[in-house]
C-alpha atoms as a PDB file:
ATOM      1  CA  MET A   1       1.425  31.693 -28.268  1.00  0.00           C
ATOM      2  CA  SER A   2       1.879  30.061 -31.699  1.00  0.00           C
ATOM      3  CA  SER A   3       0.216  26.750 -32.549  1.00  0.00           C
ATOM      4  CA  ASP A   4       3.674  25.108 -32.472  1.00  0.00           C
ATOM      5  CA  GLY A   5       4.290  26.584 -29.031  1.00  0.00           C
ATOM      6  CA  ARG A   6       0.911  25.381 -27.736  1.00  0.00           C
ATOM      7  CA  PHE A   7       1.598  21.887 -29.099  1.00  0.00           C
ATOM      8  CA  HIS A   8       5.029  21.798 -27.445  1.00  0.00           C
ATOM      9  CA  HIS A   9       3.468  22.958 -24.154  1.00  0.00           C
ATOM     10  CA  ARG A  10       0.727  20.296 -24.320  1.00  0.00           C
ATOM     11  CA  LYS A  11       3.260  17.604 -25.291  1.00  0.00           C
ATOM     12  CA  LYS A  12       5.474  18.535 -22.356  1.00  0.00           C
ATOM     13  CA  GLY A  13       2.482  18.470 -19.996  1.00  0.00           C
ATOM     14  CA  PHE A  14       1.399  15.072 -21.304  1.00  0.00           C
ATOM     15  CA  GLY A  15       4.932  13.731 -20.842  1.00  0.00           C
ATOM     16  CA  LEU A  16       5.013  14.893 -17.221  1.00  0.00           C
ATOM     17  CA  MET A  17       1.594  13.351 -16.610  1.00  0.00           C
ATOM     18  CA  LEU A  18       2.731  10.051 -18.167  1.00  0.00           C
ATOM     19  CA  LEU A  19       5.826   9.991 -15.965  1.00  0.00           C
ATOM     20  CA  PHE A  20       3.638  10.616 -12.934  1.00  0.00           C
ATOM     21  CA  VAL A  21       1.240   7.807 -13.851  1.00  0.00           C
ATOM     22  CA  LEU A  22       4.030   5.348 -14.623  1.00  0.00           C
ATOM     23  CA  GLY A  23       5.795   6.315 -11.443  1.00  0.00           C
ATOM     24  CA  GLY A  24       2.621   5.548  -9.503  1.00  0.00           C
ATOM     25  CA  MET A  25       2.339   2.194 -11.244  1.00  0.00           C
ATOM     26  CA  THR A  26       5.891   1.082 -10.508  1.00  0.00           C
ATOM     27  CA  SER A  27       6.197   2.435  -6.956  1.00  0.00           C
ATOM     28  CA  PRO A  28       4.143   0.398  -4.486  1.00  0.00           C
ATOM     29  CA  ALA A  29       1.815   2.359  -2.253  1.00  0.00           C
ATOM     30  CA  SER A  30       3.043   0.237   0.605  1.00  0.00           C
ATOM     31  CA  ALA A  31       5.814  -2.239   1.272  1.00  0.00           C
ATOM     32  CA  ILE A  32       7.571  -3.920   4.181  1.00  0.00           C
ATOM     33  CA  ASP A  33       9.295  -1.155   6.124  1.00  0.00           C
ATOM     34  CA  VAL A  34      12.900  -2.228   6.602  1.00  0.00           C
ATOM     35  CA  GLU A  35      14.162   1.216   7.622  1.00  0.00           C
ATOM     36  CA  LEU A  36      12.187   3.095  10.286  1.00  0.00           C
ATOM     37  CA  THR A  37      13.132   6.031  12.487  1.00  0.00           C
ATOM     38  CA  LEU A  38      12.524   6.207  16.230  1.00  0.00           C
ATOM     39  CA  GLU A  39       9.838   8.844  15.625  1.00  0.00           C
ATOM     40  CA  GLN A  40       8.052   6.628  13.097  1.00  0.00           C
ATOM     41  CA  ALA A  41       8.187   3.691  15.505  1.00  0.00           C
ATOM     42  CA  GLN A  42       6.643   5.782  18.272  1.00  0.00           C
ATOM     43  CA  GLN A  43       3.886   6.973  15.912  1.00  0.00           C
ATOM     44  CA  ILE A  44       3.056   3.382  14.943  1.00  0.00           C
ATOM     45  CA  MET A  45       2.890   2.368  18.606  1.00  0.00           C
ATOM     46  CA  ALA A  46       0.668   5.315  19.478  1.00  0.00           C
ATOM     47  CA  SER A  47      -1.785   4.492  16.653  1.00  0.00           C
ATOM     48  CA  ALA A  48      -2.025   0.880  17.880  1.00  0.00           C
ATOM     49  CA  ARG A  49      -2.240   1.880  21.545  1.00  0.00           C
ATOM     50  CA  GLY A  50      -5.237   4.178  21.117  1.00  0.00           C
ATOM     51  CA  PRO A  51      -7.906   1.579  20.212  1.00  0.00           C
ATOM     52  CA  MET A  52      -6.840  -0.659  23.106  1.00  0.00           C
ATOM     53  CA  GLU A  53      -7.098   2.208  25.574  1.00  0.00           C
ATOM     54  CA  GLN A  54     -10.555   3.021  24.239  1.00  0.00           C
ATOM     55  CA  ALA A  55     -11.837  -0.587  24.249  1.00  0.00           C
ATOM     56  CA  ALA A  56     -14.807  -1.092  26.544  1.00  0.00           C
ATOM     57  CA  SER A  57     -14.199  -4.773  27.378  1.00  0.00           C
ATOM     58  CA  ASN A  58     -11.715  -7.637  27.210  1.00  0.00           C
ATOM     59  CA  GLU A  59     -13.750  -9.087  24.341  1.00  0.00           C
ATOM     60  CA  GLU A  60     -13.358  -5.866  22.365  1.00  0.00           C
ATOM     61  CA  MET A  61      -9.594  -5.881  22.969  1.00  0.00           C
ATOM     62  CA  PHE A  62      -9.385  -9.513  21.829  1.00  0.00           C
ATOM     63  CA  GLY A  63     -11.273  -8.569  18.673  1.00  0.00           C
ATOM     64  CA  ILE A  64      -8.750  -5.792  17.964  1.00  0.00           C
ATOM     65  CA  ILE A  65      -5.865  -8.244  18.336  1.00  0.00           C
ATOM     66  CA  GLN A  66      -7.501 -10.807  16.032  1.00  0.00           C
ATOM     67  CA  ALA A  67      -8.187  -8.179  13.368  1.00  0.00           C
ATOM     68  CA  ALA A  68      -4.604  -6.932  13.551  1.00  0.00           C
ATOM     69  CA  ASP A  69      -3.156 -10.389  12.818  1.00  0.00           C
ATOM     70  CA  LYS A  70      -5.079 -10.506   9.536  1.00  0.00           C
ATOM     71  CA  THR A  71      -3.223  -7.473   8.157  1.00  0.00           C
ATOM     72  CA  THR A  72       0.068  -9.390   7.949  1.00  0.00           C
ATOM     73  CA  ARG A  73      -1.316 -12.883   7.289  1.00  0.00           C
ATOM     74  CA  ILE A  74      -0.797 -14.508   3.910  1.00  0.00           C
ATOM     75  CA  GLY A  75      -2.451 -17.643   2.594  1.00  0.00           C
ATOM     76  CA  ASP A  76      -5.619 -19.161   4.028  1.00  0.00           C
ATOM     77  CA  ASP A  77      -7.637 -17.648   6.873  1.00  0.00           C
ATOM     78  CA  PRO A  78      -7.854 -20.278   9.659  1.00  0.00           C
ATOM     79  CA  ALA A  79     -11.256 -18.889  10.635  1.00  0.00           C
ATOM     80  CA  THR A  80     -12.762 -19.919   7.289  1.00  0.00           C
ATOM     81  CA  LYS A  81     -10.362 -22.684   6.212  1.00  0.00           C
ATOM     82  CA  PRO A  82      -9.043 -24.485   9.323  1.00  0.00           C
ATOM     83  CA  CYS A  83      -7.087 -27.065   7.281  1.00  0.00           C
ATOM     84  CA  GLY A  84      -5.199 -24.578   5.154  1.00  0.00           C
ATOM     85  CA  SER A  85      -1.708 -23.112   4.838  1.00  0.00           C
ATOM     86  CA  SER A  86      -0.884 -19.631   6.071  1.00  0.00           C
ATOM     87  CA  ALA A  87       1.805 -17.460   7.599  1.00  0.00           C
ATOM     88  CA  ILE A  88       1.903 -14.355   9.763  1.00  0.00           C
ATOM     89  CA  LEU A  89       4.710 -11.971   8.763  1.00  0.00           C
ATOM     90  CA  ARG A  90       6.260 -10.386  11.822  1.00  0.00           C
ATOM     91  CA  THR A  91       7.790  -7.257  10.356  1.00  0.00           C
ATOM     92  CA  LYS A  92       9.172  -4.323  12.338  1.00  0.00           C
ATOM     93  CA  THR A  93       5.811  -2.578  11.925  1.00  0.00           C
ATOM     94  CA  TYR A  94       4.064  -5.723  13.190  1.00  0.00           C
ATOM     95  CA  TRP A  95       6.156  -5.678  16.385  1.00  0.00           C
ATOM     96  CA  PHE A  96       5.633  -1.955  17.010  1.00  0.00           C
ATOM     97  CA  GLU A  97       1.880  -2.380  16.596  1.00  0.00           C
ATOM     98  CA  TYR A  98       1.952  -5.430  18.876  1.00  0.00           C
ATOM     99  CA  PHE A  99       3.801  -3.611  21.651  1.00  0.00           C
ATOM    100  CA  GLY A 100       1.637  -0.520  21.168  1.00  0.00           C
ATOM    101  CA  ARG A 101      -1.453  -2.669  21.834  1.00  0.00           C
ATOM    102  CA  GLU A 102       0.320  -4.166  24.859  1.00  0.00           C
ATOM    103  CA  GLU A 103       0.998  -0.676  26.194  1.00  0.00           C
ATOM    104  CA  GLY A 104      -2.678   0.163  25.831  1.00  0.00           C
ATOM    105  CA  ARG A 105      -3.819  -3.075  27.493  1.00  0.00           C
ATOM    106  CA  ARG A 106      -1.397  -2.818  30.402  1.00  0.00           C
ATOM    107  CA  SER A 107      -2.180   0.856  30.909  1.00  0.00           C
ATOM    108  CA  LYS A 108      -5.866  -0.024  31.304  1.00  0.00           C
ATOM    109  CA  VAL A 109      -5.101  -2.786  33.801  1.00  0.00           C
ATOM    110  CA  ALA A 110      -2.648  -0.676  35.835  1.00  0.00           C
ATOM    111  CA  GLN A 111      -4.772   2.469  35.454  1.00  0.00           C
ATOM    112  CA  GLN A 112      -1.617   4.411  34.708  1.00  0.00           C
ATOM    113  CA  GLU A 113       0.573   5.030  31.696  1.00  0.00           C
ATOM    114  CA  VAL A 114       2.760   2.056  30.720  1.00  0.00           C
ATOM    115  CA  ARG A 115       5.383   2.583  28.019  1.00  0.00           C
ATOM    116  CA  MET A 116       8.104   0.442  26.458  1.00  0.00           C
ATOM    117  CA  PRO A 117      11.693   1.499  27.220  1.00  0.00           C
ATOM    118  CA  GLU A 118      13.384   3.315  24.354  1.00  0.00           C
ATOM    119  CA  ALA A 119      16.170   0.709  24.388  1.00  0.00           C
ATOM    120  CA  LYS A 120      13.618  -1.997  23.464  1.00  0.00           C
ATOM    121  CA  ILE A 121      12.274   0.162  20.621  1.00  0.00           C
ATOM    122  CA  GLN A 122      15.816   0.577  19.320  1.00  0.00           C
ATOM    123  CA  GLU A 123      16.322  -3.176  19.514  1.00  0.00           C
ATOM    124  CA  ILE A 124      13.374  -3.718  17.165  1.00  0.00           C
ATOM    125  CA  LEU A 125      14.576  -0.956  14.826  1.00  0.00           C
ATOM    126  CA  ASN A 126      17.862  -2.847  14.490  1.00  0.00           C
ATOM    127  CA  MET A 127      16.276  -6.254  13.790  1.00  0.00           C
ATOM    128  CA  PRO A 128      17.947  -7.691  10.656  1.00  0.00           C
ATOM    129  CA  ASN A 129      15.396 -10.424   9.938  1.00  0.00           C
ATOM    130  CA  LEU A 130      11.774 -10.872   8.905  1.00  0.00           C
ATOM    131  CA  GLU A 131      10.116 -13.498  11.094  1.00  0.00           C
ATOM    132  CA  MET A 132       7.317 -15.743   9.862  1.00  0.00           C
ATOM    133  CA  GLU A 133       5.000 -17.988  11.827  1.00  0.00           C
ATOM    134  CA  ILE A 134       3.916 -20.659   9.360  1.00  0.00           C
ATOM    135  CA  GLY A 135       0.819 -22.789   9.872  1.00  0.00           C
ATOM    136  CA  LEU A 136       0.303 -26.078   8.000  1.00  0.00           C
ATOM    137  CA  CYS A 137      -2.300 -28.833   7.953  1.00  0.00           C
ATOM    138  CA  GLY A 138      -1.617 -32.580   7.773  1.00  0.00           C
ATOM    139  CA  GLN A 139      -3.114 -35.931   8.613  1.00  0.00           C
ATOM    140  CA  GLU A 140      -1.062 -36.996  11.628  1.00  0.00           C
ATOM    141  CA  GLU A 141       0.566 -35.376  14.661  1.00  0.00           C
ATOM    142  CA  PHE A 142       4.143 -35.241  13.425  1.00  0.00           C
ATOM    143  CA  PHE A 143       3.501 -34.580   9.722  1.00  0.00           C
ATOM    144  CA  ALA A 144       5.580 -31.352   9.712  1.00  0.00           C
ATOM    145  CA  GLU A 145       8.802 -32.862  11.070  1.00  0.00           C
ATOM    146  CA  GLY A 146      11.709 -32.170   8.730  1.00  0.00           C
ATOM    147  CA  ALA A 147       9.875 -29.426   6.829  1.00  0.00           C
ATOM    148  CA  ASP A 148      11.988 -26.571   5.461  1.00  0.00           C
ATOM    149  CA  VAL A 149      11.048 -23.246   3.893  1.00  0.00           C
ATOM    150  CA  ALA A 150      12.351 -20.761   1.319  1.00  0.00           C
ATOM    151  CA  LEU A 151      11.253 -17.505  -0.320  1.00  0.00           C
ATOM    152  CA  GLN A 152      10.936 -17.705  -4.093  1.00  0.00           C
ATOM    153  CA  GLN A 153      11.238 -14.391  -5.935  1.00  0.00           C
ATOM    154  CA  GLY A 154      11.467 -14.978  -9.670  1.00  0.00           C
ATOM    155  CA  SER A 155      14.541 -17.146 -10.263  1.00  0.00           C
ATOM    156  CA  THR A 156      15.921 -16.406  -6.783  1.00  0.00           C
ATOM    157  CA  ASN A 157      15.419 -18.765  -3.851  1.00  0.00           C
ATOM    158  CA  VAL A 158      16.173 -17.389  -0.386  1.00  0.00           C
ATOM    159  CA  MET A 159      16.674 -19.833   2.463  1.00  0.00           C
ATOM    160  CA  ALA A 160      15.840 -19.034   6.079  1.00  0.00           C
ATOM    161  CA  VAL A 161      18.743 -17.957   8.283  1.00  0.00           C
ATOM    162  CA  ASP A 162      17.037 -19.581  11.252  1.00  0.00           C
ATOM    163  CA  LYS A 163      14.146 -22.019  11.649  1.00  0.00           C
ATOM    164  CA  GLY A 164      12.277 -23.369  14.654  1.00  0.00           C
ATOM    165  CA  LYS A 165      11.162 -26.952  15.123  1.00  0.00           C
ATOM    166  CA  PRO A 166       7.568 -27.590  13.987  1.00  0.00           C
ATOM    167  CA  SER A 167       5.138 -28.039  16.843  1.00  0.00           C
ATOM    168  CA  ARG A 168       3.378 -31.316  17.450  1.00  0.00           C
ATOM    169  CA  GLY A 169       0.184 -31.325  15.400  1.00  0.00           C
ATOM    170  CA  ARG A 170      -2.971 -30.152  17.155  1.00  0.00           C
ATOM    171  CA  LYS A 171      -6.178 -31.824  16.015  1.00  0.00           C
ATOM    172  CA  ILE A 172      -8.691 -29.453  14.476  1.00  0.00           C
ATOM    173  CA  PRO A 173     -11.926 -29.532  16.521  1.00  0.00           C
ATOM    174  CA  GLY A 174     -14.611 -31.532  14.746  1.00  0.00           C
ATOM    175  CA  SER A 175     -12.162 -33.217  12.383  1.00  0.00           C
ATOM    176  CA  GLU A 176     -11.258 -36.905  12.475  1.00  0.00           C
ATOM    177  CA  MET A 177      -7.760 -36.710  11.012  1.00  0.00           C
ATOM    178  CA  ASP A 178      -6.701 -33.095  10.339  1.00  0.00           C
ATOM    179  CA  TYR A 179      -3.882 -31.621  12.425  1.00  0.00           C
ATOM    180  CA  VAL A 180      -2.377 -28.144  12.501  1.00  0.00           C
ATOM    181  CA  SER A 181       1.330 -27.592  13.100  1.00  0.00           C
ATOM    182  CA  ARG A 182       3.242 -24.316  13.343  1.00  0.00           C
ATOM    183  CA  PHE A 183       6.864 -23.298  13.120  1.00  0.00           C
ATOM    184  CA  SER A 184       8.797 -20.064  12.826  1.00  0.00           C
ATOM    185  CA  ALA A 185      11.439 -19.035  10.299  1.00  0.00           C
ATOM    186  CA  ARG A 186      13.569 -15.918   9.878  1.00  0.00           C
ATOM    187  CA  PHE A 187      14.816 -14.393   6.639  1.00  0.00           C
ATOM    188  CA  ALA A 188      17.518 -11.728   6.440  1.00  0.00           C
ATOM    189  CA  TYR A 189      16.159  -8.494   4.959  1.00  0.00           C
ATOM    190  CA  GLN A 190      19.393  -8.111   2.991  1.00  0.00           C
ATOM    191  CA  ASP A 191      18.718 -11.400   1.175  1.00  0.00           C
ATOM    192  CA  PHE A 192      15.345 -10.599  -0.426  1.00  0.00           C
ATOM    193  CA  ASP A 193      13.368  -7.800  -2.040  1.00  0.00           C
ATOM    194  CA  PRO A 194      10.870  -6.462   0.543  1.00  0.00           C
ATOM    195  CA  GLN A 195       8.658  -5.032  -2.238  1.00  0.00           C
ATOM    196  CA  ALA A 196       8.396  -8.054  -4.523  1.00  0.00           C
ATOM    197  CA  ALA A 197       5.672 -10.585  -5.178  1.00  0.00           C
ATOM    198  CA  THR A 198       6.878 -13.744  -3.450  1.00  0.00           C
ATOM    199  CA  ASN A 199       6.096 -17.404  -2.963  1.00  0.00           C
ATOM    200  CA  VAL A 200       6.727 -18.890   0.458  1.00  0.00           C
ATOM    201  CA  VAL A 201       7.566 -22.494  -0.396  1.00  0.00           C
ATOM    202  CA  VAL A 202       7.471 -25.170   2.307  1.00  0.00           C
ATOM    203  CA  PHE A 203       9.025 -28.470   1.297  1.00  0.00           C
ATOM    204  CA  PHE A 204       8.924 -31.817   3.071  1.00  0.00           C
ATOM    205  CA  PRO A 205      11.402 -34.730   3.140  1.00  0.00           C
ATOM    206  CA  ASP A 206       9.050 -36.831   0.971  1.00  0.00           C
ATOM    207  CA  GLY A 207       9.152 -34.221  -1.821  1.00  0.00           C
ATOM    208  CA  LYS A 208       5.762 -32.629  -1.111  1.00  0.00           C
ATOM    209  CA  LEU A 209       5.585 -28.853  -1.604  1.00  0.00           C
ATOM    210  CA  VAL A 210       3.215 -26.249  -0.159  1.00  0.00           C
ATOM    211  CA  THR A 211       3.214 -22.779  -1.740  1.00  0.00           C
ATOM    212  CA  ILE A 212       1.807 -19.651  -0.087  1.00  0.00           C
ATOM    213  CA  GLU A 213       1.591 -16.548  -2.268  1.00  0.00           C
ATOM    214  CA  ALA A 214       2.650 -13.241  -0.729  1.00  0.00           C
ATOM    215  CA  ASP A 215       2.692  -9.739  -2.183  1.00  0.00           C
ATOM    216  CA  PHE A 216       5.196  -7.939   0.025  1.00  0.00           C
ATOM    217  CA  SER A 217       4.258  -4.605  -1.564  1.00  0.00           C
ATOM    218  CA  LYS A 218       0.948  -4.753   0.349  1.00  0.00           C
ATOM    219  CA  ILE A 219       2.432  -5.464   3.778  1.00  0.00           C
ATOM    220  CA  LYS A 220       4.019  -2.970   6.142  1.00  0.00           C
END
């Protein structure tokens, strides 16, 4: 092969390598799964069911459940920052893992195989909305009344299609004046980018804002 031919070959190889690297940089390794097949749903449930079936005690099962919640939580960890702001993202994968753990737990209790009906699995596959459970901290029981929430992605603001009423604040043990309130909100998958870096912005009637950063590309 001539020197020109070798150079062209190396240049072509370098170009392919560069495309591969750039492709890896721009394509997230993970992202919220909006489209799942029945087979994928069953695989997710089976992977979540196994550890529950193998757990040696109720305490071990509770530990599995607590650890699982952390994988879709954004914001502060209540275990280390009780008076913080956080949200649990209830994606389709979240629900399949949840029901997979329930199958494992109920199978242990009943000492026989317990499985979710296929119709229920299909219902989750067809869910059009991402659900969030948002936790906030304030200084009196009804501090969260009137709060609203939106997703901020660049210059786009996406409002919730449905929002629950905030719960009455629950006093944090050991605190004199800190209360925790929770409420749920749903966002239509068609309205936002499930792979984008996002701010969950909670705003109150008095103009106060709380921002929770979320990288959807890291959440299934």
